[in-house]
N, C-alpha and C. Protein backbone atom coordinates (compact mmCIF):
# COMPACT_ATOMS: atom_id res chain seq x y z
N MET A 1 -16.44 -182.91 -154.56
CA MET A 1 -16.59 -182.04 -155.40
C MET A 1 -16.73 -180.59 -154.72
N VAL A 2 -17.57 -180.63 -153.59
CA VAL A 2 -17.96 -179.65 -152.72
C VAL A 2 -16.39 -179.19 -152.17
N ALA A 3 -15.39 -180.08 -151.61
CA ALA A 3 -14.46 -179.83 -151.14
C ALA A 3 -13.40 -179.17 -152.13
N ILE A 4 -13.47 -179.53 -153.37
CA ILE A 4 -12.43 -178.78 -154.31
C ILE A 4 -12.85 -177.27 -154.46
N PHE A 5 -14.19 -176.91 -154.35
CA PHE A 5 -14.82 -175.63 -154.54
C PHE A 5 -14.44 -174.92 -153.49
N LEU A 6 -14.44 -175.70 -152.37
CA LEU A 6 -14.28 -174.86 -151.00
C LEU A 6 -12.97 -174.63 -151.03
N ALA A 7 -11.98 -175.52 -151.33
CA ALA A 7 -10.40 -175.08 -151.37
C ALA A 7 -10.05 -174.47 -152.25
N ALA A 8 -10.52 -174.14 -153.41
CA ALA A 8 -10.52 -173.30 -154.48
C ALA A 8 -10.96 -171.66 -153.94
N GLY A 9 -11.91 -171.70 -153.14
CA GLY A 9 -12.37 -170.43 -152.86
C GLY A 9 -11.35 -170.17 -151.60
N VAL A 10 -11.18 -170.75 -150.70
CA VAL A 10 -10.27 -170.38 -149.63
C VAL A 10 -8.75 -169.85 -150.31
N GLY A 11 -8.36 -170.69 -151.25
CA GLY A 11 -7.25 -170.44 -152.02
C GLY A 11 -7.10 -169.14 -152.66
N PHE A 12 -8.43 -168.73 -153.16
CA PHE A 12 -8.37 -167.58 -153.80
C PHE A 12 -8.45 -166.27 -152.80
N VAL A 13 -9.10 -166.54 -151.88
CA VAL A 13 -8.97 -165.44 -150.92
C VAL A 13 -7.76 -165.30 -150.07
N ALA A 14 -7.04 -166.39 -149.78
CA ALA A 14 -5.81 -166.28 -149.24
C ALA A 14 -4.68 -165.64 -149.91
N GLY A 15 -5.06 -166.09 -151.41
CA GLY A 15 -3.89 -165.62 -152.31
C GLY A 15 -4.08 -163.85 -152.61
N ALA A 16 -5.41 -163.75 -152.83
CA ALA A 16 -5.85 -162.33 -153.04
C ALA A 16 -5.27 -161.35 -151.65
N GLY A 17 -5.60 -161.82 -150.60
CA GLY A 17 -5.37 -161.18 -149.32
C GLY A 17 -3.58 -160.98 -149.38
N ALA A 18 -3.21 -161.94 -149.70
CA ALA A 18 -1.56 -161.82 -149.68
C ALA A 18 -0.96 -161.05 -150.53
N TYR A 19 -1.62 -161.14 -151.68
CA TYR A 19 -1.10 -160.08 -152.87
C TYR A 19 -1.38 -158.56 -152.55
N THR A 20 -2.64 -158.47 -151.78
CA THR A 20 -3.28 -157.24 -151.44
C THR A 20 -1.99 -156.51 -150.34
N PHE A 21 -1.82 -157.46 -149.14
CA PHE A 21 -0.71 -157.20 -148.31
C PHE A 21 0.38 -156.72 -148.89
N VAL A 22 0.94 -157.59 -149.69
CA VAL A 22 2.14 -157.30 -150.18
C VAL A 22 2.37 -155.83 -151.14
N TYR A 23 1.11 -155.74 -152.02
CA TYR A 23 1.02 -154.47 -152.94
C TYR A 23 0.89 -153.39 -152.01
N ALA A 24 0.22 -153.32 -150.91
CA ALA A 24 -0.10 -152.08 -150.42
C ALA A 24 1.01 -151.93 -149.14
N LYS A 25 2.24 -152.70 -148.88
CA LYS A 25 3.09 -152.60 -148.10
C LYS A 25 2.95 -152.57 -146.77
N GLY A 26 1.97 -153.77 -146.61
CA GLY A 26 1.31 -153.76 -145.43
C GLY A 26 2.08 -154.46 -144.21
N ALA A 27 3.48 -155.01 -144.21
CA ALA A 27 4.36 -155.22 -143.52
C ALA A 27 5.16 -153.96 -143.01
N SER A 28 5.06 -152.72 -143.52
CA SER A 28 5.68 -151.71 -143.01
C SER A 28 4.98 -151.04 -141.87
N TYR A 29 3.36 -151.11 -141.78
CA TYR A 29 2.80 -150.59 -140.98
C TYR A 29 3.11 -151.51 -139.68
N LEU A 30 3.37 -152.55 -139.44
CA LEU A 30 3.71 -153.36 -138.52
C LEU A 30 4.84 -152.69 -137.39
N GLY A 31 5.72 -151.67 -138.06
CA GLY A 31 6.77 -151.09 -137.27
C GLY A 31 6.49 -149.80 -136.78
N THR A 32 7.45 -149.11 -136.66
CA THR A 32 7.16 -147.52 -135.98
C THR A 32 7.72 -146.44 -137.09
N ASP A 33 8.17 -146.91 -138.27
CA ASP A 33 8.80 -145.90 -139.14
C ASP A 33 8.07 -144.99 -139.76
N SER A 34 7.91 -143.69 -139.65
CA SER A 34 7.05 -142.68 -139.92
C SER A 34 6.77 -142.59 -141.59
N SER A 35 7.67 -142.98 -142.03
CA SER A 35 7.74 -143.01 -143.72
C SER A 35 6.59 -144.14 -144.00
N ALA A 36 6.14 -144.97 -143.38
CA ALA A 36 5.14 -145.75 -143.78
C ALA A 36 3.73 -145.16 -143.77
N CYS A 37 3.69 -143.74 -142.94
CA CYS A 37 2.58 -143.12 -143.08
C CYS A 37 2.29 -142.38 -144.65
N ALA A 38 3.47 -142.27 -145.12
CA ALA A 38 3.33 -141.83 -146.48
C ALA A 38 3.05 -142.69 -147.47
N ASN A 39 2.77 -144.00 -147.15
CA ASN A 39 2.35 -145.17 -148.40
C ASN A 39 0.99 -144.60 -148.77
N CYS A 40 0.13 -143.93 -147.93
CA CYS A 40 -1.02 -143.48 -148.42
C CYS A 40 -1.03 -142.32 -149.02
N HIS A 41 -1.35 -141.97 -150.28
CA HIS A 41 -1.11 -141.05 -150.83
C HIS A 41 -1.88 -139.68 -150.32
N ILE A 42 -2.64 -139.87 -149.53
CA ILE A 42 -3.75 -138.57 -148.71
C ILE A 42 -2.62 -138.05 -147.55
N MET A 43 -1.45 -139.07 -147.31
CA MET A 43 -0.62 -138.46 -146.06
C MET A 43 0.40 -137.60 -146.73
N ASN A 44 0.80 -137.45 -148.23
CA ASN A 44 2.17 -137.15 -148.59
C ASN A 44 2.39 -135.61 -147.88
N GLU A 45 1.34 -134.95 -148.07
CA GLU A 45 1.69 -133.62 -147.57
C GLU A 45 2.06 -133.44 -146.29
N GLN A 46 1.11 -134.30 -145.18
CA GLN A 46 1.43 -134.32 -143.89
C GLN A 46 2.78 -134.71 -143.79
N TYR A 47 3.17 -135.90 -144.01
CA TYR A 47 4.65 -136.34 -144.16
C TYR A 47 5.67 -135.33 -144.42
N ALA A 48 5.36 -134.72 -145.66
CA ALA A 48 6.54 -133.72 -146.05
C ALA A 48 6.70 -132.80 -144.98
N GLY A 49 5.83 -132.28 -144.43
CA GLY A 49 5.59 -131.20 -143.61
C GLY A 49 6.33 -131.51 -142.44
N TRP A 50 6.01 -132.78 -141.92
CA TRP A 50 6.65 -133.22 -140.63
C TRP A 50 8.16 -133.36 -140.81
N THR A 51 8.63 -133.86 -142.08
CA THR A 51 10.17 -133.95 -142.28
C THR A 51 10.67 -132.96 -142.30
N ARG A 52 10.20 -131.90 -142.79
CA ARG A 52 10.91 -130.51 -142.80
C ARG A 52 10.83 -129.54 -141.54
N SER A 53 10.00 -130.15 -140.55
CA SER A 53 9.90 -129.52 -139.01
C SER A 53 10.90 -130.09 -138.19
N SER A 54 11.40 -129.16 -137.16
CA SER A 54 12.34 -129.75 -136.33
C SER A 54 11.49 -130.75 -135.33
N HIS A 55 10.16 -130.90 -135.48
CA HIS A 55 9.52 -131.76 -134.57
C HIS A 55 10.02 -133.33 -134.93
N HIS A 56 10.32 -133.65 -136.15
CA HIS A 56 10.63 -135.13 -136.60
C HIS A 56 11.81 -135.67 -135.66
N ASP A 57 12.99 -134.58 -135.15
CA ASP A 57 13.87 -135.01 -134.45
C ASP A 57 13.39 -135.46 -133.12
N VAL A 58 12.02 -135.27 -132.58
CA VAL A 58 11.76 -135.60 -131.33
C VAL A 58 10.56 -136.65 -131.15
N ALA A 59 10.02 -136.61 -132.16
CA ALA A 59 8.83 -137.66 -132.44
C ALA A 59 8.49 -138.09 -133.63
N GLY A 60 7.96 -139.19 -133.58
CA GLY A 60 7.42 -139.84 -135.20
C GLY A 60 5.99 -140.12 -134.97
N CYS A 61 5.48 -140.30 -136.03
CA CYS A 61 3.84 -140.28 -136.18
C CYS A 61 3.27 -141.05 -135.19
N ASN A 62 3.83 -142.29 -134.69
CA ASN A 62 2.99 -143.10 -133.62
C ASN A 62 3.25 -142.49 -132.24
N ASP A 63 4.18 -141.77 -132.17
CA ASP A 63 4.45 -140.97 -130.57
C ASP A 63 3.26 -140.39 -130.40
N CYS A 64 2.57 -139.66 -131.36
CA CYS A 64 1.27 -138.73 -131.00
C CYS A 64 0.08 -139.36 -131.56
N HIS A 65 0.10 -139.97 -132.35
CA HIS A 65 -1.04 -140.54 -133.07
C HIS A 65 -1.60 -141.95 -132.99
N ALA A 66 -0.87 -142.80 -131.74
CA ALA A 66 -1.19 -144.19 -131.90
C ALA A 66 -1.04 -144.27 -130.24
N PRO A 67 -1.89 -145.20 -129.37
CA PRO A 67 -1.46 -145.43 -128.05
C PRO A 67 -0.22 -146.09 -127.94
N HIS A 68 0.27 -145.85 -126.64
CA HIS A 68 1.93 -146.60 -126.49
C HIS A 68 1.74 -148.01 -126.14
N ASP A 69 0.34 -148.61 -125.56
CA ASP A 69 0.36 -150.03 -125.53
C ASP A 69 0.52 -150.87 -126.54
N PHE A 70 0.73 -151.83 -126.37
CA PHE A 70 0.99 -152.95 -127.82
C PHE A 70 -0.50 -153.16 -128.33
N VAL A 71 -1.44 -153.44 -127.80
CA VAL A 71 -2.57 -153.83 -128.16
C VAL A 71 -3.33 -152.52 -128.68
N GLY A 72 -3.35 -151.52 -127.95
CA GLY A 72 -3.89 -150.30 -128.44
C GLY A 72 -3.28 -149.74 -129.92
N LYS A 73 -2.03 -149.88 -129.86
CA LYS A 73 -1.42 -149.30 -130.94
C LYS A 73 -1.82 -150.30 -132.25
N TYR A 74 -1.55 -151.37 -132.24
CA TYR A 74 -1.74 -152.32 -133.43
C TYR A 74 -3.48 -152.23 -133.92
N PHE A 75 -4.07 -152.18 -132.61
CA PHE A 75 -5.63 -152.08 -133.01
C PHE A 75 -5.94 -150.72 -133.68
N THR A 76 -5.25 -149.60 -133.24
CA THR A 76 -5.59 -148.49 -133.93
C THR A 76 -5.15 -148.21 -135.27
N LYS A 77 -3.90 -148.96 -135.53
CA LYS A 77 -3.28 -149.21 -136.76
C LYS A 77 -4.40 -149.82 -137.72
N ALA A 78 -4.73 -151.25 -136.99
CA ALA A 78 -5.56 -151.93 -138.21
C ALA A 78 -6.76 -151.13 -138.31
N ARG A 79 -7.47 -150.41 -137.41
CA ARG A 79 -8.83 -149.72 -137.82
C ARG A 79 -8.75 -148.82 -138.56
N SER A 80 -7.62 -147.97 -138.61
CA SER A 80 -7.09 -146.85 -139.34
C SER A 80 -6.82 -147.37 -141.02
N GLY A 81 -6.14 -148.58 -140.92
CA GLY A 81 -5.81 -149.04 -142.31
C GLY A 81 -7.05 -149.59 -142.93
N ALA A 82 -8.25 -150.24 -142.23
CA ALA A 82 -9.28 -150.85 -142.69
C ALA A 82 -9.96 -149.58 -143.35
N LEU A 83 -10.36 -148.56 -142.44
CA LEU A 83 -11.14 -147.37 -142.69
C LEU A 83 -10.65 -146.59 -143.97
N HIS A 84 -9.28 -146.66 -144.06
CA HIS A 84 -8.79 -145.96 -145.46
C HIS A 84 -8.94 -146.84 -146.61
N ALA A 85 -8.92 -147.96 -146.41
CA ALA A 85 -8.91 -149.23 -147.50
C ALA A 85 -10.67 -149.22 -148.26
N TRP A 86 -11.42 -148.96 -147.15
CA TRP A 86 -12.88 -149.02 -147.60
C TRP A 86 -13.49 -147.96 -147.58
């Protein structure tokens, strides 16, 4: 009986997490496309300003706002996403 409740709890958490990841376009944050920054409504003004500037031809958001090493970049993205979500 306990195993059924445990399995249901794990299934619920996994399902809610997967739904949230898809709904929040989580996969878009794994790349380097600057349009992912505009997924969050508070970044729309900054993204629109960047797209109209000449700066967008030479650098994307991650070029200046994330470390260049693999671990540092994804740690920064995860921390930023978690802080924006909570």
